[in-house]
Every structure is written in structure tokens, then in C-alpha cells.
Amino acid sequence: MLSFTILSIRRGNVKLANRKRMAAIVVFAFLAIPSLALGQSVEIQQSSEVSTNTKEPPKSLPKPKRFSPNDGIYYKNKLEFSLEGGWLPFNIPFPFDVFVGDVYDETPLQYTLVPTFASLRLQMSDVTGRWIFRGNWDLTFTGEFTAIPRGPETHYLAYDTGIRYNFVPRNWKTTPYFEVRGGVGRIDAKGPLGVPYAQGQDLTFNFLTGSGFRYNFNSKYSMEAGVTWMHISNFYLSEPKFLNYGINVYGPIFGFNVRLGKPKGREH
């Protein structure tokens, strides 16, 4: 009887010990699981922060270039041949007389000039700018022959260099322009022969400025019309022996242009 009682007590102690172990395991599990979860969430958050910090900022995409049909007509390094003819019958005083100390008036001698210009035009840039200033530049090399149907001299030969600005609105076939040219030439001066108010020597210089409109048939052919003022004088080199009167006339001018070489975008 005593041995049975002792055995029962031992078995009860074993069960109690087992229950204590189970309780300890359960408590440990409840404590461990939140800790692991917390650690995992912190690790995920740190990983997210690293990923966010190392992410490159989004790059802004460049704005697409607006297409214009004129892009195939006005562009850098385009070379053209130009042939122009003018009729300049209107005589005026030299506009800059006030700056050189001369009297702003005309001489009794009237001139009419009929110039012919054969030019190479090199476009120096693509079309840039905004609004009415959108356009590009031409560099012009000109051989000039001018007939003089009214005046004591009969002809004038010269070489000119100049620049022209083309105002290029989008989608227009007609574009305005403004240009200046200057050069050196030879006239058959009649001042040394005693003709009053004629030119004082053969070696002369010229200056031209004008504006007008150019109409483009396509990327190769175009025509233009405008008004040009032309000045011819010897810059006082003939004085004091012969006075420098000069010629100052203006009138309409017309021209035709043709592209030389292949169009834009065709390399072969």
C-alpha cells in the first residue's frame, strides 16, 4: 500500500513537471513570435528605406521638336545659287550725310542703275528663335554687273559680300527677309573728263541694303521680290582733285534661287 502511494506521488510529480515544461514552452513561444515579427518588420522597413533612398529621381523627358515644312528649306550649310535683277531709278540724298558733315541734298545729275547680281548663298544656321524673330542667316557672295542707262557713266563692275536674315514663320511658303551687302568695284568715271557731278575716279565702293519677300515653290526652287537701296562712291579718295558726289538710288529688285546639292537628310 505504501509503495503504491509513493508510485502515485512520483507519477504526479512527473505530470506536474511535464505541465510546467509545456507552460514554459507556450510562454516562450508567445514571447518569441512577436519579437521575431517585430525584427522582421524593422528589417523590411530598413530595406524599403534603403531602396527608396537609392532610387534615382525620374528624369524629365525632352520636349519633342515641333515639325515645320520650312525645316527642309532653311537649314545649316544649305547652298543656293541666286540670280537677281533690279531697276533703281529713284535718286535720294546720301542718308548718312548728317554724320559726315555734308549737306543733305541731291545733285542736279540724276542716275538710273540696272544691277544684275549672281550670288552664292550659304545658310549659316538652322532655324531658331521665337515668334516673329524665328529664322536663320545667309552669307552671300555676289558678282555684280550694273548697267547705267541714265547718267554720264555706262557701267559698274563689283564684288560684294553680305548677310541676310530670313524671317521664317511656321508653315509659310512666303517669308520676309532683310539684307545688307557691301563691296568694291570699278566704274568708268567721267569726273576726270570734266563732267559736272560725275564720279571722281574709277575705283569705287558700294553699299546695298534692302528687304522683301521670298516665295518657296519647294525645297529647291524659290523666287523673291523686294526693294533695294544702292550707294556708290569713292569714299573721298578722289578729293581734293575731284569731288566725291556718289550715287544714291533705290527701286524694285527680283530674284530666282535654286538649291545646289542634295536636299536635307540625303547624304548619298
Protein backbone atom coordinates (compact mmCIF):
# COMPACT_ATOMS: atom_id res chain seq x y z
CA MET A 1 0.00 0.00 0.00
CA LEU A 2 2.82 2.37 0.89
CA SER A 3 4.68 1.54 -2.34
CA PHE A 4 1.56 2.31 -4.42
CA THR A 5 1.18 5.63 -2.68
CA ILE A 6 4.84 6.50 -3.37
CA LEU A 7 4.48 5.46 -7.04
CA SER A 8 1.37 7.65 -7.41
CA ILE A 9 3.20 10.60 -5.92
CA ARG A 10 6.10 10.09 -8.32
CA ARG A 11 3.78 9.88 -11.29
CA GLY A 12 2.03 13.05 -10.15
CA ASN A 13 5.33 14.85 -9.83
CA VAL A 14 6.30 13.77 -13.38
CA LYS A 15 2.99 15.03 -14.79
CA LEU A 16 3.37 18.27 -12.90
CA ALA A 17 6.90 18.67 -14.21
CA ASN A 18 5.71 17.96 -17.75
CA ARG A 19 2.93 20.53 -17.41
CA LYS A 20 5.44 23.08 -16.18
CA ARG A 21 7.65 22.37 -19.18
CA MET A 22 4.69 22.76 -21.58
CA ALA A 23 3.67 26.00 -19.89
CA ALA A 24 7.22 27.31 -20.20
CA ILE A 25 7.32 26.37 -23.91
CA VAL A 26 3.97 28.10 -24.55
CA VAL A 27 5.08 31.27 -22.73
CA PHE A 28 8.38 31.27 -24.63
CA ALA A 29 6.55 30.84 -27.92
CA PHE A 30 4.23 33.76 -27.19
CA LEU A 31 7.20 35.92 -26.30
CA ALA A 32 9.40 34.84 -29.20
CA ILE A 33 6.89 35.10 -32.06
CA PRO A 34 6.15 38.87 -31.60
CA SER A 35 9.88 39.57 -31.23
CA LEU A 36 10.64 37.76 -34.47
CA ALA A 37 7.78 39.52 -36.19
CA LEU A 38 8.96 42.89 -34.90
CA GLY A 39 12.51 42.21 -36.05
CA GLN A 40 11.28 41.16 -39.49
CA SER A 41 9.13 44.29 -39.84
CA VAL A 42 12.08 46.51 -38.86
CA GLU A 43 14.27 44.71 -41.38
CA ILE A 44 11.64 45.14 -44.10
CA GLN A 45 11.25 48.82 -43.23
CA GLN A 46 15.02 49.39 -43.34
CA SER A 47 15.24 47.56 -46.67
CA SER A 48 12.41 49.72 -48.01
CA GLU A 49 14.17 52.88 -46.83
CA VAL A 50 17.42 51.83 -48.50
CA SER A 51 15.57 51.03 -51.69
CA THR A 52 13.78 54.37 -51.57
CA ASN A 53 16.97 56.32 -50.88
CA THR A 54 18.95 54.62 -53.63
CA LYS A 55 16.23 55.06 -56.23
CA GLU A 56 17.25 57.65 -58.88
CA PRO A 57 14.91 60.60 -59.36
CA PRO A 58 12.84 60.33 -62.52
CA LYS A 59 14.39 62.05 -65.49
CA SER A 60 12.28 64.59 -67.35
CA LEU A 61 11.79 63.63 -70.98
CA PRO A 62 12.91 66.19 -73.59
CA LYS A 63 10.14 68.04 -75.31
CA PRO A 64 9.57 66.74 -78.84
CA LYS A 65 10.66 69.14 -81.56
CA ARG A 66 7.78 70.67 -83.46
CA PHE A 67 7.86 69.76 -87.14
CA SER A 68 7.67 72.50 -89.74
CA PRO A 69 7.78 72.10 -93.55
CA ASN A 70 10.26 75.01 -93.60
CA ASP A 71 12.83 72.82 -91.80
CA GLY A 72 13.61 71.28 -95.18
CA ILE A 73 14.09 74.71 -96.82
CA TYR A 74 16.06 76.72 -94.26
CA TYR A 75 18.87 74.77 -92.60
CA LYS A 76 22.57 74.98 -91.81
CA ASN A 77 25.05 74.61 -94.73
CA LYS A 78 22.40 74.76 -97.44
CA LEU A 79 24.00 76.26 -100.57
CA GLU A 80 22.00 78.13 -103.20
CA PHE A 81 22.65 79.96 -106.43
CA SER A 82 20.79 83.24 -106.75
CA LEU A 83 20.25 85.44 -109.81
CA GLU A 84 18.74 88.89 -109.19
CA GLY A 85 17.93 91.90 -111.30
CA GLY A 86 16.86 95.38 -110.26
CA TRP A 87 15.61 98.69 -111.64
CA LEU A 88 16.76 101.59 -109.45
CA PRO A 89 15.54 104.93 -110.90
CA PHE A 90 14.77 106.87 -107.72
CA ASN A 91 17.50 109.29 -106.60
CA ILE A 92 17.81 110.44 -102.96
CA PRO A 93 20.45 112.26 -100.89
CA PHE A 94 23.01 110.13 -99.09
CA PRO A 95 21.15 109.12 -95.88
CA PHE A 96 24.29 109.48 -93.73
CA ASP A 97 25.28 112.99 -94.86
CA VAL A 98 24.47 114.31 -91.40
CA PHE A 99 27.17 112.05 -89.91
CA VAL A 100 29.93 113.07 -92.36
CA GLY A 101 29.23 116.81 -92.32
CA ASP A 102 27.80 117.12 -95.84
CA VAL A 103 24.64 118.96 -96.85
CA TYR A 104 21.63 116.67 -97.12
CA ASP A 105 20.62 117.38 -100.73
CA GLU A 106 20.71 115.93 -104.23
CA THR A 107 22.91 116.92 -107.13
CA PRO A 108 21.34 118.05 -110.40
CA LEU A 109 22.72 114.89 -112.02
CA GLN A 110 20.22 112.00 -111.92
CA TYR A 111 21.07 108.32 -112.30
CA THR A 112 19.25 105.11 -113.12
CA LEU A 113 21.05 101.87 -112.27
CA VAL A 114 20.11 98.41 -113.55
CA PRO A 115 22.09 95.91 -111.44
CA THR A 116 22.40 92.18 -112.04
CA PHE A 117 23.62 90.05 -109.13
CA ALA A 118 24.89 86.47 -109.44
CA SER A 119 25.33 85.11 -105.91
CA LEU A 120 26.12 82.08 -103.84
CA ARG A 121 24.05 81.97 -100.65
CA LEU A 122 25.24 79.81 -97.76
CA GLN A 123 22.76 79.36 -94.92
CA MET A 124 24.80 79.62 -91.73
CA SER A 125 22.35 78.14 -89.22
CA ASP A 126 19.21 76.13 -88.69
CA VAL A 127 16.00 77.97 -87.92
CA THR A 128 15.97 79.29 -84.34
CA GLY A 129 14.11 81.91 -82.35
CA ARG A 130 10.50 82.55 -81.43
CA TRP A 131 7.50 84.43 -82.68
CA ILE A 132 8.28 86.92 -85.48
CA PHE A 133 12.03 86.57 -84.86
CA ARG A 134 12.10 82.89 -85.84
CA GLY A 135 14.54 82.50 -88.72
CA ASN A 136 18.14 81.97 -89.89
CA TRP A 137 21.09 83.74 -91.54
CA ASP A 138 22.52 83.64 -95.07
CA LEU A 139 26.07 84.54 -96.01
CA THR A 140 26.14 85.99 -99.54
CA PHE A 141 28.97 86.19 -102.10
CA THR A 142 27.99 88.29 -105.12
CA GLY A 143 29.40 89.17 -108.51
CA GLU A 144 27.72 92.34 -109.77
CA PHE A 145 27.30 93.96 -113.18
CA THR A 146 25.35 97.22 -113.25
CA ALA A 147 24.26 98.97 -116.41
CA ILE A 148 23.76 102.75 -116.20
CA PRO A 149 21.15 103.81 -118.77
CA ARG A 150 20.80 107.30 -117.21
CA GLY A 151 23.95 109.14 -116.12
CA PRO A 152 27.33 110.02 -117.63
CA GLU A 153 28.91 106.64 -116.74
CA THR A 154 27.84 103.50 -118.61
CA HIS A 155 28.59 100.50 -116.35
CA TYR A 156 29.84 99.32 -112.98
CA LEU A 157 31.54 96.02 -112.08
CA ALA A 158 31.89 94.93 -108.44
CA TYR A 159 32.28 92.14 -105.93
CA ASP A 160 30.02 92.22 -102.85
CA THR A 161 29.72 90.26 -99.63
CA GLY A 162 26.73 90.44 -97.31
CA ILE A 163 24.37 88.82 -94.88
CA ARG A 164 20.65 88.23 -94.99
CA TYR A 165 18.21 87.31 -92.24
CA ASN A 166 15.25 85.16 -93.26
CA PHE A 167 12.17 85.51 -91.06
CA VAL A 168 10.66 82.01 -91.16
CA PRO A 169 7.14 81.62 -89.73
CA ARG A 170 5.97 78.03 -89.38
CA ASN A 171 4.19 76.53 -92.38
CA TRP A 172 4.57 79.66 -94.55
CA LYS A 173 5.76 79.44 -98.14
CA THR A 174 6.27 83.21 -98.24
CA THR A 175 8.95 84.51 -95.85
CA PRO A 176 10.24 88.08 -95.32
CA TYR A 177 13.93 88.91 -95.41
CA PHE A 178 16.29 91.79 -94.65
CA GLU A 179 19.84 92.08 -96.02
CA VAL A 180 22.93 94.28 -96.30
CA ARG A 181 25.80 93.97 -98.76
CA GLY A 182 29.00 95.86 -99.44
CA GLY A 183 31.91 95.61 -101.81
CA VAL A 184 34.44 97.19 -104.12
CA GLY A 185 34.28 97.79 -107.85
CA ARG A 186 35.21 99.79 -110.92
CA ILE A 187 33.14 102.41 -112.72
CA ASP A 188 34.04 104.28 -115.90
CA ALA A 189 34.24 107.61 -114.06
CA LYS A 190 33.58 110.77 -116.07
CA GLY A 191 34.51 113.32 -113.40
CA PRO A 192 38.18 113.41 -114.55
CA LEU A 193 36.84 114.20 -118.05
CA GLY A 194 35.15 117.33 -116.78
CA VAL A 195 31.54 116.12 -116.48
CA PRO A 196 29.88 118.02 -113.59
CA TYR A 197 28.72 115.92 -110.62
CA ALA A 198 30.04 112.69 -112.21
CA GLN A 199 32.16 110.16 -110.32
CA GLY A 200 35.66 111.29 -109.42
CA GLN A 201 37.64 108.05 -110.04
CA ASP A 202 37.23 104.52 -111.36
CA LEU A 203 37.90 102.70 -108.07
CA THR A 204 34.71 102.87 -106.04
CA PHE A 205 32.95 101.15 -103.15
CA ASN A 206 29.31 100.25 -102.77
CA PHE A 207 26.78 99.57 -100.07
CA LEU A 208 23.35 97.97 -100.51
CA THR A 209 20.50 97.32 -98.15
CA GLY A 210 17.01 96.07 -98.80
CA SER A 211 14.13 93.89 -97.78
CA GLY A 212 11.41 91.87 -99.41
CA PHE A 213 9.67 88.53 -99.57
CA ARG A 214 10.76 85.11 -100.73
CA TYR A 215 8.31 82.52 -102.05
CA ASN A 216 9.38 78.85 -101.88
CA PHE A 217 7.94 76.57 -104.53
CA ASN A 218 9.65 73.63 -102.81
CA SER A 219 12.95 72.87 -101.08
CA LYS A 220 14.90 73.51 -104.30
CA TYR A 221 13.33 76.45 -106.11
CA SER A 222 12.20 79.85 -104.88
CA MET A 223 11.71 83.41 -106.12
CA GLU A 224 11.85 86.76 -104.35
CA ALA A 225 10.86 90.39 -104.73
CA GLY A 226 11.80 93.44 -102.73
CA VAL A 227 13.17 96.98 -102.63
CA THR A 228 16.91 97.79 -102.55
CA TRP A 229 18.87 100.99 -101.95
CA MET A 230 22.30 101.20 -103.56
CA HIS A 231 25.13 103.62 -102.83
CA ILE A 232 28.31 104.02 -104.94
CA SER A 233 31.17 106.39 -104.09
CA ASN A 234 34.96 106.52 -103.75
CA PHE A 235 34.95 107.40 -100.02
CA TYR A 236 36.56 110.77 -100.76
CA LEU A 237 39.69 109.17 -102.21
CA SER A 238 39.48 111.40 -105.31
CA GLU A 239 39.41 114.63 -103.29
CA PRO A 240 40.57 117.34 -103.39
CA LYS A 241 41.31 116.95 -107.07
CA PHE A 242 37.81 115.69 -107.91
CA LEU A 243 34.85 115.97 -105.57
CA ASN A 244 33.13 112.78 -104.38
CA TYR A 245 29.43 113.14 -105.20
CA GLY A 246 28.45 109.49 -105.19
CA ILE A 247 25.30 107.76 -106.43
CA ASN A 248 22.26 107.03 -104.23
CA VAL A 249 19.32 105.27 -105.85
CA TYR A 250 16.65 102.76 -104.90
CA GLY A 251 13.97 100.70 -106.59
CA PRO A 252 12.47 97.22 -107.00
CA ILE A 253 14.51 94.03 -107.31
CA PHE A 254 13.52 90.49 -108.30
CA GLY A 255 15.37 87.21 -107.99
CA PHE A 256 15.34 83.46 -108.50
CA ASN A 257 17.07 80.90 -106.24
CA VAL A 258 17.97 77.26 -106.77
CA ARG A 259 19.45 74.82 -104.26
CA LEU A 260 22.85 73.32 -105.09
CA GLY A 261 23.44 69.75 -103.97
CA LYS A 262 21.18 67.20 -102.35
CA PRO A 263 18.26 68.10 -100.07
CA LYS A 264 18.45 67.89 -96.31
CA GLY A 265 18.58 64.36 -94.92
CA ARG A 266 20.03 62.74 -98.05
CA GLU A 267 23.71 62.00 -97.66
CA HIS A 268 24.04 59.73 -100.70
